[in-house]
Protein backbone atom coordinates (compact mmCIF):
# COMPACT_ATOMS: atom_id res chain seq x y z
CA MET A 1 18.16 21.31 161.42
CA PRO A 2 16.63 18.56 163.60
CA HIS A 3 19.18 15.97 162.52
CA LEU A 4 22.02 18.11 163.84
CA GLU A 5 20.22 18.46 167.16
CA GLY A 6 19.82 14.69 167.29
CA HIS A 7 23.51 14.23 166.61
CA ALA A 8 24.39 16.67 169.41
CA ALA A 9 22.10 14.86 171.83
CA ALA A 10 23.52 11.46 170.84
CA THR A 11 27.08 12.72 171.23
CA ALA A 12 26.26 13.99 174.71
CA THR A 13 25.24 10.47 175.76
CA ALA A 14 28.55 8.98 174.52
CA ASP A 15 26.55 5.91 173.42
CA PRO A 16 28.18 4.62 170.21
CA ARG A 17 24.90 3.15 168.92
CA ALA A 18 23.03 6.43 169.44
CA ILE A 19 25.78 8.34 167.65
CA ALA A 20 25.77 5.88 164.74
CA LEU A 21 21.99 6.12 164.37
CA ALA A 22 22.14 9.92 164.46
CA LEU A 23 24.83 9.96 161.76
CA GLU A 24 22.83 7.53 159.64
CA GLY A 25 19.76 9.76 159.95
CA SER A 26 21.76 12.83 159.01
CA ALA A 27 23.25 11.09 155.96
CA GLY A 28 19.80 9.94 154.87
CA ALA A 29 18.39 13.44 155.19
CA ARG A 30 21.24 14.89 153.13
CA ALA A 31 20.82 12.22 150.46
CA LEU A 32 17.09 12.89 150.21
CA ALA A 33 17.82 16.61 149.91
CA GLY A 34 20.09 15.92 146.94
CA HIS A 35 23.39 16.48 148.75
CA HIS A 36 24.79 13.05 147.88
CA ALA A 37 28.44 14.07 148.15
CA HIS A 38 27.89 15.17 151.76
CA ALA A 39 25.91 12.07 152.72
CA GLU A 40 29.01 9.86 152.99
């Protein structure tokens, strides 16, 4: 899943903003896929 790869890359940078954006993208993708409980 591309969003998980983005999260891994952001975590490797240790940049809090990059990590937050990656988590936001992952939550959005899960919400769009209908996995609302996991999007929190």
